Each structure stands twice: as structure tokens, then as C-alpha cells.
């Protein structure tokens, strides 16, 4: 099963790469699949790529469900 995780863009480097944060963890990702990515946008990250934008409310709900499914991990 593949899983995309909501993350918030906190830094953009050169337009096609950036840094995101979710659950206090930061990682570098590829932003080339997202048009007009901006700091503060929420995205779904899969295999190191941001694959789509989402709104903050939806991101929070998804993260809550993922936390419940994994027992709080």
C-alpha cells in the first residue's frame, strides 16, 4: 500500500525543491509537480514528491486520522 502524507511547505529552493514539515519532522522534497507552490501551502507528499495541494483543514483531518490509525505514532 502506498501512502501520501500531508505536509506544510516551509522553504522553497530554486523553484523545484523545498522543505516540508509534518509532525515536527522536516524533509527535503521535489516540488516540480506542483504549480505555483508557495511557503505555507499544504501538499500531499509521496516518495519524496509533492503530488497535489490541499487545504489546511483537510490536512489536519487527514493527519488526525493517520495518527488514530497508527496508535499515535
C-alpha atoms as a PDB file:
ATOM      1  CA  UNK A   1       0.000   0.000   0.000  1.00  0.00           C
ATOM      2  CA  UNK A   2       1.242   3.468  -0.869  1.00  0.00           C
ATOM      3  CA  UNK A   3       0.521   6.395   1.358  1.00  0.00           C
ATOM      4  CA  UNK A   4       0.767  10.126   0.760  1.00  0.00           C
ATOM      5  CA  UNK A   5       1.312  12.269   3.851  1.00  0.00           C
ATOM      6  CA  UNK A   6       0.118  15.876   4.273  1.00  0.00           C
ATOM      7  CA  UNK A   7       2.967  18.308   4.886  1.00  0.00           C
ATOM      8  CA  UNK A   8       3.384  22.085   5.013  1.00  0.00           C
ATOM      9  CA  UNK A   9       5.903  23.790   2.729  1.00  0.00           C
ATOM     10  CA  UNK A  10       8.311  25.765   4.919  1.00  0.00           C
ATOM     11  CA  UNK A  11      11.048  26.569   2.390  1.00  0.00           C
ATOM     12  CA  UNK A  12      11.439  26.662  -1.404  1.00  0.00           C
ATOM     13  CA  UNK A  13      14.844  26.190  -3.028  1.00  0.00           C
ATOM     14  CA  UNK A  14      15.233  27.092  -6.679  1.00  0.00           C
ATOM     15  CA  UNK A  15      11.564  26.589  -7.509  1.00  0.00           C
ATOM     16  CA  UNK A  16      11.626  22.804  -7.927  1.00  0.00           C
ATOM     17  CA  UNK A  17      12.774  21.692  -4.483  1.00  0.00           C
ATOM     18  CA  UNK A  18      11.792  22.622  -0.985  1.00  0.00           C
ATOM     19  CA  UNK A  19      11.494  21.616   2.623  1.00  0.00           C
ATOM     20  CA  UNK A  20       8.267  20.494   4.269  1.00  0.00           C
ATOM     21  CA  UNK A  21       7.260  19.780   7.842  1.00  0.00           C
ATOM     22  CA  UNK A  22       4.753  17.382   9.299  1.00  0.00           C
ATOM     23  CA  UNK A  23       4.525  16.178  12.869  1.00  0.00           C
ATOM     24  CA  UNK A  24       7.663  18.127  13.778  1.00  0.00           C
ATOM     25  CA  UNK A  25       9.729  16.303  11.142  1.00  0.00           C
ATOM     26  CA  UNK A  26      11.263  18.196   8.242  1.00  0.00           C
ATOM     27  CA  UNK A  27      12.393  16.724   4.962  1.00  0.00           C
ATOM     28  CA  UNK A  28      13.554  17.882   1.577  1.00  0.00           C
ATOM     29  CA  UNK A  29      11.166  17.154  -1.315  1.00  0.00           C
ATOM     30  CA  UNK A  30      10.700  17.740  -5.021  1.00  0.00           C
ATOM     31  CA  UNK A  31       8.064  20.380  -5.865  1.00  0.00           C
ATOM     32  CA  UNK A  32       8.197  20.101  -9.666  1.00  0.00           C
ATOM     33  CA  UNK A  33       4.710  18.528  -9.910  1.00  0.00           C
ATOM     34  CA  UNK A  34       3.037  21.461  -8.118  1.00  0.00           C
ATOM     35  CA  UNK A  35       2.251  24.672  -9.996  1.00  0.00           C
ATOM     36  CA  UNK A  36       2.813  27.875  -8.039  1.00  0.00           C
ATOM     37  CA  UNK A  37       3.990  26.178  -4.832  1.00  0.00           C
ATOM     38  CA  UNK A  38       4.305  28.716  -2.026  1.00  0.00           C
ATOM     39  CA  UNK A  39       5.611  28.672   1.514  1.00  0.00           C
ATOM     40  CA  UNK A  40       2.677  27.864   3.773  1.00  0.00           C
ATOM     41  CA  UNK A  41       0.900  25.623   1.233  1.00  0.00           C
ATOM     42  CA  UNK A  42      -0.157  22.154   2.353  1.00  0.00           C
ATOM     43  CA  UNK A  43       0.710  19.316  -0.021  1.00  0.00           C
ATOM     44  CA  UNK A  44       0.468  15.535  -0.183  1.00  0.00           C
ATOM     45  CA  UNK A  45       3.980  14.030  -0.223  1.00  0.00           C
ATOM     46  CA  UNK A  46       4.636  10.607  -1.717  1.00  0.00           C
ATOM     47  CA  UNK A  47       8.052   9.099  -2.451  1.00  0.00           C
ATOM     48  CA  UNK A  48       9.782  12.462  -1.982  1.00  0.00           C
ATOM     49  CA  UNK A  49       7.470  14.369  -4.347  1.00  0.00           C
ATOM     50  CA  UNK A  50       4.698  16.825  -3.556  1.00  0.00           C
ATOM     51  CA  UNK A  51       1.893  15.417  -5.717  1.00  0.00           C
ATOM     52  CA  UNK A  52      -1.040  17.757  -5.010  1.00  0.00           C
ATOM     53  CA  UNK A  53      -2.070  20.747  -2.904  1.00  0.00           C
ATOM     54  CA  UNK A  54      -4.701  20.522  -0.186  1.00  0.00           C
ATOM     55  CA  UNK A  55      -6.275  22.985   2.221  1.00  0.00           C
ATOM     56  CA  UNK A  56      -5.167  23.188   5.840  1.00  0.00           C
ATOM     57  CA  UNK A  57      -8.447  21.875   7.270  1.00  0.00           C
ATOM     58  CA  UNK A  58      -8.272  18.746   5.119  1.00  0.00           C
ATOM     59  CA  UNK A  59      -4.589  18.283   6.033  1.00  0.00           C
ATOM     60  CA  UNK A  60      -5.365  18.461   9.767  1.00  0.00           C
ATOM     61  CA  UNK A  61      -8.228  15.979   9.451  1.00  0.00           C
ATOM     62  CA  UNK A  62      -6.045  13.564   7.475  1.00  0.00           C
ATOM     63  CA  UNK A  63      -3.180  13.798   9.962  1.00  0.00           C
ATOM     64  CA  UNK A  64      -5.614  13.167  12.825  1.00  0.00           C
ATOM     65  CA  UNK A  65      -6.946  10.036  11.103  1.00  0.00           C
ATOM     66  CA  UNK A  66      -3.436   8.775  10.349  1.00  0.00           C
ATOM     67  CA  UNK A  67      -2.479   9.268  13.995  1.00  0.00           C
ATOM     68  CA  UNK A  68      -5.547   7.332  15.139  1.00  0.00           C
ATOM     69  CA  UNK A  69      -4.824   4.504  12.688  1.00  0.00           C
ATOM     70  CA  UNK A  70      -1.236   4.141  13.826  1.00  0.00           C
ATOM     71  CA  UNK A  71      -1.930   4.338  17.535  1.00  0.00           C
ATOM     72  CA  UNK A  72      -0.486   7.817  17.921  1.00  0.00           C
ATOM     73  CA  UNK A  73       2.824   7.202  16.183  1.00  0.00           C
END
